[in-house]
Amino acid sequence: MPTPRSTSLRRLIAPVLAVTTALALTACGSADSGVSEADAKSQAADLVQILGIDGDLGADVQFKLGAALTLSGASAANGASMQNAIELAIEQIKAAGGPALQLSVKDIKGPDPVAAKQAASELAAEGVPAKITSMGDGLGSMLADTDKDKILSLDGVGGAQVFTQGTEYFYGTREVAPSDAVPGALEWFKQAHPEGKTVGLVGVDLGPLNQAIQADVKAKIEAAGLTFNGLWETVAPTSQDYASVIAKVEKNEPDLLWVAFGGAAPGAFAAQAKTAGIGSELLGIEFTDEATKASKGAFDSDGFKFAMDYFDAATPANPLAKLFVDAYRKAYDAEPDFYAANAYEETLMVWDLIRRVTAAGGDATDSAQLKAALEKDPKFASVYGGDDATVGALEIDLKTHGVAHRPMGVFEYKAGKVTPLATYDVGAKDFRLAE
């Protein structure tokens, strides 16, 4: 794992000198990425210092990085923020004297199974050793190709869903949404609403993959001493018409209704549920500005609760998070969401693996060697957790290929502000109500 920022000046001299030399020799920044050359240079020096990087930065490595993102359809804004963050990290890495990563981006749309399969084929044909992926590798559509073509794949959107487990080259870099968040969220619900007993869910139709997810969530509901009321209604990933789903909710309203949609969809659902007079406590699996806009004022007036590993750009948790937020704002004049934050730290993970393989005298363009380096030490720097002086840590569970730990919580957005209601780790470990 990269060493967090140290107070020892001696440890900083070598990498900072390396950055200074690289900046004098390398023209960085891209008009296409929105990152200026001057900004990339300044941020690169800070990045190396914060990560405490020693040794070879990987400048001589020629590396093609793939990205499978939702750049069209209902989740287009989320895919765009991921691409922005990846390009930001690439420019910083290059300016730091690291490899000039060549990015190949593919649009998996909704995600759409056909588009996802096409993206997998194109990335394999291009010979990319690694990719930043999303939505449980395109809602499972890319998983077989991920292993067949041995493309190391990092997913910071869906995480290591039940249906992804067993795919050797796939790793989830965030909590499994909603599975990892469920135990802590249900504990919050029991304490906040002791009269509540029943739980249901509305979400995305994943076809044959639904069964495993439903079994997992149902078991966690029962383990919490609550009752699954039988409501499990789904729609196509691209749909934002919830009339038929809401009609079924009206006939079988649970006390707690999980809203398992992503992107703008939670807002659209909340607006339609409000119009229909649904009285259940709604609990989302994520929160974005796009959802707030789609709620047509419902989020601001009524509030919206969600359980996830929320990235708070307003109060960055550690020095790496602050560097990222400041750089993203400057480059794109926008606030980064968790889609962007996760894609940024995944790109830094790829750089870390390149450095590790290079330091061992290996071939950093060989995905098998990248995978071996990850498994040898599954710890990486993170924009989550840590404190004002210490970078957060992302640790991969080598059994599930998901995260071993992740700061999570239940939060509420209302009237332009997000407030924590409870915090916890995977499996509801260290659960506590917010003060």
Protein backbone atom coordinates (compact mmCIF):
# COMPACT_ATOMS: atom_id res chain seq x y z
CA MET A 1 0.00 0.00 0.00
CA PRO A 2 1.31 3.51 -0.73
CA THR A 3 2.71 5.09 2.41
CA PRO A 4 0.50 7.97 3.68
CA ARG A 5 2.01 11.45 3.93
CA SER A 6 4.97 11.59 6.31
CA THR A 7 6.46 14.46 8.23
CA SER A 8 9.94 13.32 7.33
CA LEU A 9 11.47 15.67 4.77
CA ARG A 10 14.12 13.15 3.84
CA ARG A 11 11.52 10.74 2.49
CA LEU A 12 10.05 13.45 0.31
CA ILE A 13 13.24 14.73 -1.32
CA ALA A 14 13.73 11.95 -3.86
CA PRO A 15 10.18 11.77 -5.24
CA VAL A 16 9.78 15.54 -5.32
CA LEU A 17 13.04 15.89 -7.26
CA ALA A 18 11.79 13.21 -9.65
CA VAL A 19 8.61 15.19 -10.21
CA THR A 20 10.55 18.41 -10.76
CA THR A 21 12.72 16.72 -13.39
CA ALA A 22 9.72 15.14 -15.08
CA LEU A 23 7.90 18.44 -15.23
CA ALA A 24 10.82 20.06 -16.95
CA LEU A 25 10.92 17.37 -19.60
CA THR A 26 7.27 16.49 -20.16
CA ALA A 27 4.48 18.57 -21.65
CA CYS A 28 1.31 17.61 -19.78
CA GLY A 29 -2.33 18.53 -19.72
CA SER A 30 -4.96 18.18 -22.36
CA ALA A 31 -7.52 20.57 -23.74
CA ASP A 32 -9.81 17.58 -24.19
CA SER A 33 -9.56 16.52 -20.54
CA GLY A 34 -10.19 20.00 -19.12
CA VAL A 35 -7.00 19.74 -17.03
CA SER A 36 -4.53 22.55 -17.70
CA GLU A 37 -0.81 21.85 -18.00
CA ALA A 38 0.03 24.24 -15.16
CA ASP A 39 -2.56 22.73 -12.82
CA ALA A 40 -1.45 19.17 -13.58
CA LYS A 41 2.15 20.09 -12.74
CA SER A 42 1.23 21.63 -9.41
CA GLN A 43 -1.11 18.79 -8.46
CA ALA A 44 1.43 16.13 -9.47
CA ALA A 45 3.98 17.29 -6.92
CA ASP A 46 1.33 17.25 -4.20
CA LEU A 47 0.11 13.82 -5.29
CA VAL A 48 3.54 12.21 -5.03
CA GLN A 49 4.08 13.83 -1.65
CA ILE A 50 0.69 12.78 -0.27
CA LEU A 51 1.13 9.19 -1.43
CA GLY A 52 4.72 9.06 -0.20
CA ILE A 53 5.89 7.38 -3.41
CA ASP A 54 9.48 6.15 -3.58
CA GLY A 55 11.41 4.76 -6.54
CA ASP A 56 10.48 4.31 -10.19
CA LEU A 57 7.30 6.16 -11.14
CA GLY A 58 6.83 4.08 -14.30
CA ALA A 59 7.61 6.74 -16.90
CA ASP A 60 8.94 4.20 -19.40
CA VAL A 61 5.82 2.00 -19.34
CA GLN A 62 3.54 2.22 -22.38
CA PHE A 63 0.12 1.33 -21.00
CA LYS A 64 -3.35 1.33 -22.55
CA LEU A 65 -6.15 1.64 -20.00
CA GLY A 66 -9.70 0.70 -20.91
CA ALA A 67 -12.89 2.19 -19.50
CA ALA A 68 -16.42 0.76 -19.83
CA LEU A 69 -18.77 3.59 -18.86
CA THR A 70 -22.43 4.55 -19.18
CA LEU A 71 -21.97 7.55 -21.47
CA SER A 72 -25.51 7.54 -22.88
CA GLY A 73 -28.94 6.75 -21.48
CA ALA A 74 -30.27 7.49 -18.00
CA SER A 75 -26.83 7.19 -16.36
CA ALA A 76 -24.92 9.27 -18.91
CA ALA A 77 -24.04 12.00 -16.41
CA ASN A 78 -22.49 9.44 -14.08
CA GLY A 79 -20.39 7.93 -16.85
CA ALA A 80 -19.23 11.42 -17.83
CA SER A 81 -18.11 12.22 -14.29
CA MET A 82 -16.16 8.95 -14.21
CA GLN A 83 -14.42 9.80 -17.48
CA ASN A 84 -13.58 13.27 -16.14
CA ALA A 85 -12.00 11.77 -13.03
CA ILE A 86 -10.03 9.16 -14.96
CA GLU A 87 -8.65 11.82 -17.31
CA LEU A 88 -7.77 14.04 -14.34
CA ALA A 89 -5.81 11.22 -12.71
CA ILE A 90 -4.08 10.36 -15.99
CA GLU A 91 -2.88 13.94 -16.44
CA GLN A 92 -1.63 14.09 -12.85
CA ILE A 93 0.17 10.75 -13.19
CA LYS A 94 1.85 11.84 -16.41
CA ALA A 95 2.89 15.17 -14.88
CA ALA A 96 4.34 13.32 -11.89
CA GLY A 97 6.74 11.44 -14.14
CA GLY A 98 4.60 8.33 -14.30
CA PRO A 99 3.40 6.51 -17.42
CA ALA A 100 1.46 8.36 -20.11
CA LEU A 101 -1.64 6.19 -19.85
CA GLN A 102 -3.51 5.91 -23.14
CA LEU A 103 -7.24 5.83 -22.38
CA SER A 104 -9.73 3.85 -24.50
CA VAL A 105 -13.32 4.62 -23.48
CA LYS A 106 -16.32 2.50 -24.48
CA ASP A 107 -19.99 3.39 -23.97
CA ILE A 108 -22.01 0.54 -22.42
CA LYS A 109 -25.12 2.75 -22.47
CA GLY A 110 -27.86 1.93 -19.92
CA PRO A 111 -25.98 -0.42 -19.45
CA ASP A 112 -27.23 -2.34 -22.45
CA PRO A 113 -26.11 -6.00 -22.72
CA VAL A 114 -25.33 -5.70 -26.44
CA ALA A 115 -23.33 -2.49 -25.98
CA ALA A 116 -21.49 -4.00 -23.00
CA LYS A 117 -20.54 -7.13 -24.94
CA GLN A 118 -19.36 -4.98 -27.84
CA ALA A 119 -17.25 -2.89 -25.46
CA ALA A 120 -15.68 -6.04 -24.04
CA SER A 121 -14.82 -7.31 -27.52
CA GLU A 122 -13.30 -4.00 -28.61
CA LEU A 123 -11.17 -3.64 -25.49
CA ALA A 124 -9.91 -7.20 -25.88
CA ALA A 125 -9.04 -6.55 -29.53
CA GLU A 126 -7.09 -3.46 -28.46
CA GLY A 127 -5.14 -5.53 -25.95
CA VAL A 128 -5.84 -3.47 -22.85
CA PRO A 129 -4.45 -5.20 -19.74
CA ALA A 130 -6.79 -3.35 -17.36
CA LYS A 131 -10.03 -1.40 -17.39
CA ILE A 132 -12.15 0.80 -15.16
CA THR A 133 -15.59 -0.75 -15.41
CA SER A 134 -19.06 -0.13 -13.97
CA MET A 135 -22.43 -1.58 -13.03
CA GLY A 136 -21.12 -4.99 -11.97
CA ASP A 137 -19.20 -5.23 -15.26
CA GLY A 138 -22.15 -4.12 -17.33
CA LEU A 139 -24.76 -5.95 -15.19
CA GLY A 140 -22.83 -9.15 -15.72
CA SER A 141 -22.69 -8.95 -19.52
CA MET A 142 -18.91 -8.47 -19.63
CA LEU A 143 -17.83 -10.88 -16.90
CA ALA A 144 -17.16 -13.92 -19.09
CA ASP A 145 -15.03 -11.81 -21.44
CA THR A 146 -13.22 -10.21 -18.51
CA ASP A 147 -11.84 -13.62 -17.51
CA LYS A 148 -11.49 -15.04 -21.02
CA ASP A 149 -9.40 -12.08 -22.15
CA LYS A 150 -7.71 -11.63 -18.77
CA ILE A 151 -8.48 -7.93 -18.42
CA LEU A 152 -7.98 -6.76 -14.84
CA SER A 153 -11.26 -4.95 -14.14
CA LEU A 154 -12.01 -2.53 -11.30
CA ASP A 155 -15.65 -1.65 -10.58
CA GLY A 156 -16.38 1.30 -8.32
CA VAL A 157 -20.07 1.54 -9.24
CA GLY A 158 -21.70 -1.81 -8.49
CA GLY A 159 -18.89 -3.35 -6.50
CA ALA A 160 -18.44 -7.12 -6.22
CA GLN A 161 -22.07 -8.16 -6.60
CA VAL A 162 -23.08 -11.73 -5.76
CA PHE A 163 -23.16 -12.58 -9.47
CA THR A 164 -19.64 -11.24 -10.07
CA GLN A 165 -18.01 -13.46 -7.47
CA GLY A 166 -15.91 -16.20 -9.02
CA THR A 167 -14.72 -13.96 -11.86
CA GLU A 168 -10.95 -14.05 -11.34
CA TYR A 169 -10.00 -10.78 -13.03
CA PHE A 170 -12.89 -8.71 -11.62
CA TYR A 171 -12.61 -6.65 -8.41
CA GLY A 172 -15.19 -4.38 -6.79
CA THR A 173 -13.63 -1.30 -5.23
CA ARG A 174 -16.65 0.00 -3.30
CA GLU A 175 -19.36 -1.47 -1.11
CA VAL A 176 -21.66 -3.95 -2.81
CA ALA A 177 -24.75 -1.85 -3.45
CA PRO A 178 -26.96 -2.44 -1.56
CA SER A 179 -25.82 -5.71 0.05
CA ASP A 180 -22.91 -4.37 2.13
CA ALA A 181 -24.97 -1.40 3.30
CA VAL A 182 -28.06 -3.42 4.26
CA PRO A 183 -27.11 -4.66 7.77
CA GLY A 184 -26.15 -1.21 9.04
CA ALA A 185 -29.12 0.44 7.35
CA LEU A 186 -31.55 -2.01 8.93
CA GLU A 187 -30.00 -1.40 12.35
CA TRP A 188 -30.54 2.33 11.81
CA PHE A 189 -34.16 1.69 10.77
CA LYS A 190 -34.88 -0.39 13.87
CA GLN A 191 -33.51 2.30 16.16
CA ALA A 192 -35.07 5.24 14.30
CA HIS A 193 -38.43 3.50 13.70
CA PRO A 194 -38.95 0.85 16.39
CA GLU A 195 -42.54 0.44 15.25
CA GLY A 196 -41.42 -0.56 11.73
CA LYS A 197 -41.44 -4.28 10.94
CA THR A 198 -41.65 -4.90 7.18
CA VAL A 199 -39.21 -4.32 4.32
CA GLY A 200 -39.68 -4.39 0.54
CA LEU A 201 -37.67 -3.36 -2.51
CA VAL A 202 -38.05 -1.73 -5.91
CA GLY A 203 -35.13 -1.79 -8.30
CA VAL A 204 -33.55 -2.72 -11.60
CA ASP A 205 -34.49 -5.92 -13.42
CA LEU A 206 -31.35 -8.01 -13.78
CA GLY A 207 -33.09 -11.04 -15.25
CA PRO A 208 -31.66 -14.33 -13.94
CA LEU A 209 -29.27 -12.40 -11.68
CA ASN A 210 -32.19 -11.16 -9.56
CA GLN A 211 -32.59 -14.44 -7.71
CA ALA A 212 -29.17 -14.44 -6.03
CA ILE A 213 -29.45 -10.77 -5.04
CA GLN A 214 -32.95 -11.27 -3.64
CA ALA A 215 -31.84 -14.28 -1.60
CA ASP A 216 -28.92 -12.30 -0.17
CA VAL A 217 -31.00 -9.25 0.79
CA LYS A 218 -33.87 -11.34 2.15
CA ALA A 219 -31.48 -13.27 4.41
CA LYS A 220 -30.10 -10.00 5.79
CA ILE A 221 -33.61 -8.66 6.44
CA GLU A 222 -34.47 -11.80 8.39
CA ALA A 223 -31.13 -11.70 10.26
CA ALA A 224 -32.04 -8.19 11.42
CA GLY A 225 -35.27 -9.48 12.95
CA LEU A 226 -37.44 -7.74 10.35
CA THR A 227 -39.88 -9.22 7.84
CA PHE A 228 -39.55 -9.24 4.06
CA ASN A 229 -43.11 -8.46 2.97
CA GLY A 230 -42.77 -10.12 -0.44
CA LEU A 231 -42.52 -6.87 -2.41
CA TRP A 232 -39.69 -7.10 -4.95
CA GLU A 233 -40.66 -5.13 -8.03
CA THR A 234 -38.23 -4.31 -10.84
CA VAL A 235 -38.10 -2.37 -14.10
CA ALA A 236 -35.67 -2.29 -17.03
CA PRO A 237 -32.43 -0.38 -16.31
CA THR A 238 -33.33 2.26 -18.90
CA SER A 239 -36.90 2.88 -17.66
CA GLN A 240 -38.02 5.86 -15.61
CA ASP A 241 -41.75 5.12 -15.77
CA TYR A 242 -42.65 3.56 -12.45
CA ALA A 243 -46.46 3.58 -12.68
CA SER A 244 -46.83 -0.21 -12.71
CA VAL A 245 -44.31 -0.66 -9.89
CA ILE A 246 -45.94 2.02 -7.74
CA ALA A 247 -49.35 0.40 -8.26
CA LYS A 248 -47.97 -2.81 -6.75
CA VAL A 249 -46.34 -0.90 -3.88
CA GLU A 250 -49.71 0.68 -3.10
CA LYS A 251 -51.23 -2.78 -2.69
CA ASN A 252 -48.43 -3.99 -0.39
CA GLU A 253 -46.72 -1.04 1.28
CA PRO A 254 -43.78 -2.01 3.52
CA ASP A 255 -42.65 0.11 6.43
CA LEU A 256 -39.23 0.45 4.75
CA LEU A 257 -38.94 0.52 0.97
CA TRP A 258 -35.48 0.10 -0.54
CA VAL A 259 -35.15 2.20 -3.70
CA ALA A 260 -32.47 0.22 -5.54
CA PHE A 261 -31.96 2.46 -8.55
CA GLY A 262 -28.90 4.43 -9.66
CA GLY A 263 -28.19 7.74 -11.36
CA ALA A 264 -31.21 10.01 -11.77
CA ALA A 265 -33.72 7.18 -11.28
CA PRO A 266 -34.15 7.47 -7.47
CA GLY A 267 -35.33 11.04 -7.92
CA ALA A 268 -37.79 10.16 -10.66
CA PHE A 269 -39.18 7.32 -8.54
CA ALA A 270 -39.47 9.50 -5.42
CA ALA A 271 -41.38 12.16 -7.35
CA GLN A 272 -43.84 9.60 -8.71
CA ALA A 273 -44.18 7.88 -5.33
CA LYS A 274 -44.97 11.22 -3.68
CA THR A 275 -47.69 11.93 -6.24
CA ALA A 276 -49.17 8.49 -5.57
CA GLY A 277 -49.17 9.06 -1.81
CA ILE A 278 -46.81 6.22 -0.91
CA GLY A 279 -46.26 6.31 2.86
CA SER A 280 -43.29 3.95 3.19
CA GLU A 281 -39.94 5.22 4.42
CA LEU A 282 -37.89 5.38 1.20
CA LEU A 283 -34.24 4.39 1.47
CA GLY A 284 -32.01 4.73 -1.60
CA ILE A 285 -28.79 2.90 -2.41
CA GLU A 286 -27.07 6.02 -3.74
CA PHE A 287 -27.41 9.78 -4.10
CA THR A 288 -26.46 12.12 -6.95
CA ASP A 289 -27.26 15.64 -8.10
CA GLU A 290 -28.99 14.11 -11.13
CA ALA A 291 -31.43 12.33 -8.81
CA THR A 292 -32.14 15.58 -6.98
CA LYS A 293 -33.02 17.28 -10.26
CA ALA A 294 -35.19 14.36 -11.36
CA SER A 295 -37.12 14.46 -8.06
CA LYS A 296 -38.81 17.71 -9.16
CA GLY A 297 -38.38 19.23 -5.73
CA ALA A 298 -39.36 16.16 -3.71
CA PHE A 299 -35.85 15.63 -2.34
CA ASP A 300 -35.55 19.24 -1.20
CA SER A 301 -39.00 19.50 0.37
CA ASP A 302 -39.46 16.01 1.83
CA GLY A 303 -35.88 14.80 2.08
CA PHE A 304 -34.36 11.57 0.77
CA LYS A 305 -32.53 9.00 2.86
CA PHE A 306 -29.89 6.71 1.40
CA ALA A 307 -27.41 4.10 2.63
CA MET A 308 -24.02 3.87 0.92
CA ASP A 309 -20.34 4.74 1.00
CA TYR A 310 -21.12 8.41 0.40
CA PHE A 311 -18.33 10.67 -0.87
CA ASP A 312 -18.68 14.07 0.76
CA ALA A 313 -16.99 16.58 -1.53
CA ALA A 314 -17.94 19.41 0.84
CA THR A 315 -15.72 18.01 3.60
CA PRO A 316 -13.01 15.77 2.08
CA ALA A 317 -11.94 13.07 4.54
CA ASN A 318 -8.18 13.09 3.95
CA PRO A 319 -5.36 14.85 2.02
CA LEU A 320 -5.83 12.72 -1.11
CA ALA A 321 -9.56 13.41 -1.13
CA LYS A 322 -8.94 17.14 -0.76
CA LEU A 323 -6.42 17.15 -3.61
CA PHE A 324 -8.92 15.30 -5.79
CA VAL A 325 -11.88 17.56 -4.96
CA ASP A 326 -9.90 20.77 -5.49
CA ALA A 327 -8.43 19.51 -8.77
CA TYR A 328 -11.78 18.25 -10.07
CA ARG A 329 -13.51 21.54 -9.27
CA LYS A 330 -10.77 23.51 -10.99
CA ALA A 331 -10.78 21.34 -14.10
CA TYR A 332 -14.53 20.91 -14.58
CA ASP A 333 -16.19 23.64 -12.49
CA ALA A 334 -18.35 20.98 -10.83
CA GLU A 335 -18.61 18.97 -7.62
CA PRO A 336 -17.34 15.39 -7.93
CA ASP A 337 -19.79 12.64 -6.96
CA PHE A 338 -18.94 9.14 -5.77
CA TYR A 339 -18.81 7.91 -9.37
CA ALA A 340 -15.96 10.34 -10.01
CA ALA A 341 -14.24 9.73 -6.67
CA ASN A 342 -14.18 5.97 -7.17
CA ALA A 343 -12.93 6.21 -10.76
CA TYR A 344 -10.16 8.55 -9.62
CA GLU A 345 -8.89 6.21 -6.92
CA GLU A 346 -9.15 3.23 -9.30
CA THR A 347 -6.90 5.00 -11.79
CA LEU A 348 -4.40 5.58 -8.99
CA MET A 349 -4.71 1.87 -8.14
CA VAL A 350 -3.69 0.99 -11.70
CA TRP A 351 -0.68 3.30 -11.40
CA ASP A 352 0.23 1.69 -8.08
CA LEU A 353 0.11 -1.79 -9.66
CA ILE A 354 2.24 -0.60 -12.59
CA ARG A 355 4.86 0.69 -10.16
CA ARG A 356 4.83 -2.53 -8.15
CA VAL A 357 5.30 -4.77 -11.18
CA THR A 358 7.99 -2.47 -12.60
CA ALA A 359 9.85 -2.42 -9.27
CA ALA A 360 9.85 -6.23 -9.27
CA GLY A 361 11.40 -6.28 -12.75
CA GLY A 362 8.22 -7.53 -14.41
CA ASP A 363 6.11 -6.50 -17.38
CA ALA A 364 3.48 -4.01 -16.22
CA THR A 365 1.44 -4.52 -19.40
CA ASP A 366 0.84 -8.16 -18.47
CA SER A 367 -2.53 -8.39 -16.71
CA ALA A 368 -1.54 -11.59 -14.93
CA GLN A 369 1.37 -9.77 -13.30
CA LEU A 370 -0.88 -6.85 -12.34
CA LYS A 371 -3.32 -9.30 -10.76
CA ALA A 372 -0.52 -11.07 -8.89
CA ALA A 373 0.70 -7.73 -7.53
CA LEU A 374 -2.81 -6.92 -6.30
CA GLU A 375 -3.15 -10.28 -4.58
CA LYS A 376 0.28 -9.99 -2.97
CA ASP A 377 -0.75 -6.75 -1.28
CA PRO A 378 -4.45 -5.86 -1.70
CA LYS A 379 -4.17 -2.47 0.03
CA PHE A 380 -4.30 0.86 -1.80
CA ALA A 381 -4.66 4.56 -1.10
CA SER A 382 -8.23 5.83 -0.89
CA VAL A 383 -10.15 9.09 -0.91
CA TYR A 384 -12.42 7.54 1.76
CA GLY A 385 -11.55 7.30 5.44
CA GLY A 386 -8.30 8.45 6.99
CA ASP A 387 -8.08 11.88 8.58
CA ASP A 388 -6.64 15.35 7.99
CA ALA A 389 -3.08 13.97 8.02
CA THR A 390 -3.54 10.37 6.85
CA VAL A 391 -4.68 8.99 3.51
CA GLY A 392 -7.56 6.50 3.62
CA ALA A 393 -7.10 2.81 2.84
CA LEU A 394 -8.89 0.61 0.32
CA GLU A 395 -8.41 -3.11 0.99
CA ILE A 396 -9.64 -5.84 -1.35
CA ASP A 397 -11.04 -9.04 0.17
CA LEU A 398 -9.28 -11.74 -1.85
CA LYS A 399 -12.14 -14.20 -1.30
CA THR A 400 -15.07 -12.06 -2.45
CA HIS A 401 -13.01 -9.67 -4.64
CA GLY A 402 -14.94 -6.87 -2.95
CA VAL A 403 -13.85 -4.43 -0.27
CA ALA A 404 -12.82 -5.80 3.12
CA HIS A 405 -13.69 -2.49 4.78
CA ARG A 406 -15.49 0.67 3.68
CA PRO A 407 -16.76 3.72 5.56
CA MET A 408 -20.54 3.70 5.03
CA GLY A 409 -23.63 5.16 6.58
CA VAL A 410 -27.24 6.25 6.35
CA PHE A 411 -27.58 9.85 5.20
CA GLU A 412 -30.37 12.28 4.45
CA TYR A 413 -30.42 14.94 1.76
CA LYS A 414 -32.84 17.81 2.34
CA ALA A 415 -32.91 21.44 1.23
CA GLY A 416 -29.45 21.33 -0.32
CA LYS A 417 -27.68 19.63 2.58
CA VAL A 418 -26.57 16.04 3.30
CA THR A 419 -26.65 14.99 6.96
CA PRO A 420 -25.29 11.70 8.36
CA LEU A 421 -27.80 9.71 10.43
CA ALA A 422 -25.61 6.69 11.19
CA THR A 423 -22.15 5.37 10.31
CA TYR A 424 -20.76 1.84 10.07
CA ASP A 425 -18.48 -0.54 8.17
CA VAL A 426 -19.16 -3.69 6.16
CA GLY A 427 -21.50 -6.02 8.06
CA ALA A 428 -22.67 -3.14 10.32
CA LYS A 429 -19.36 -3.27 12.17
CA ASP A 430 -18.71 -0.22 14.38
CA PHE A 431 -22.33 0.94 13.96
CA ARG A 432 -23.21 4.19 15.66
CA LEU A 433 -25.95 6.75 15.36
CA ALA A 434 -24.78 10.20 14.35
CA GLU A 435 -24.72 12.74 17.14
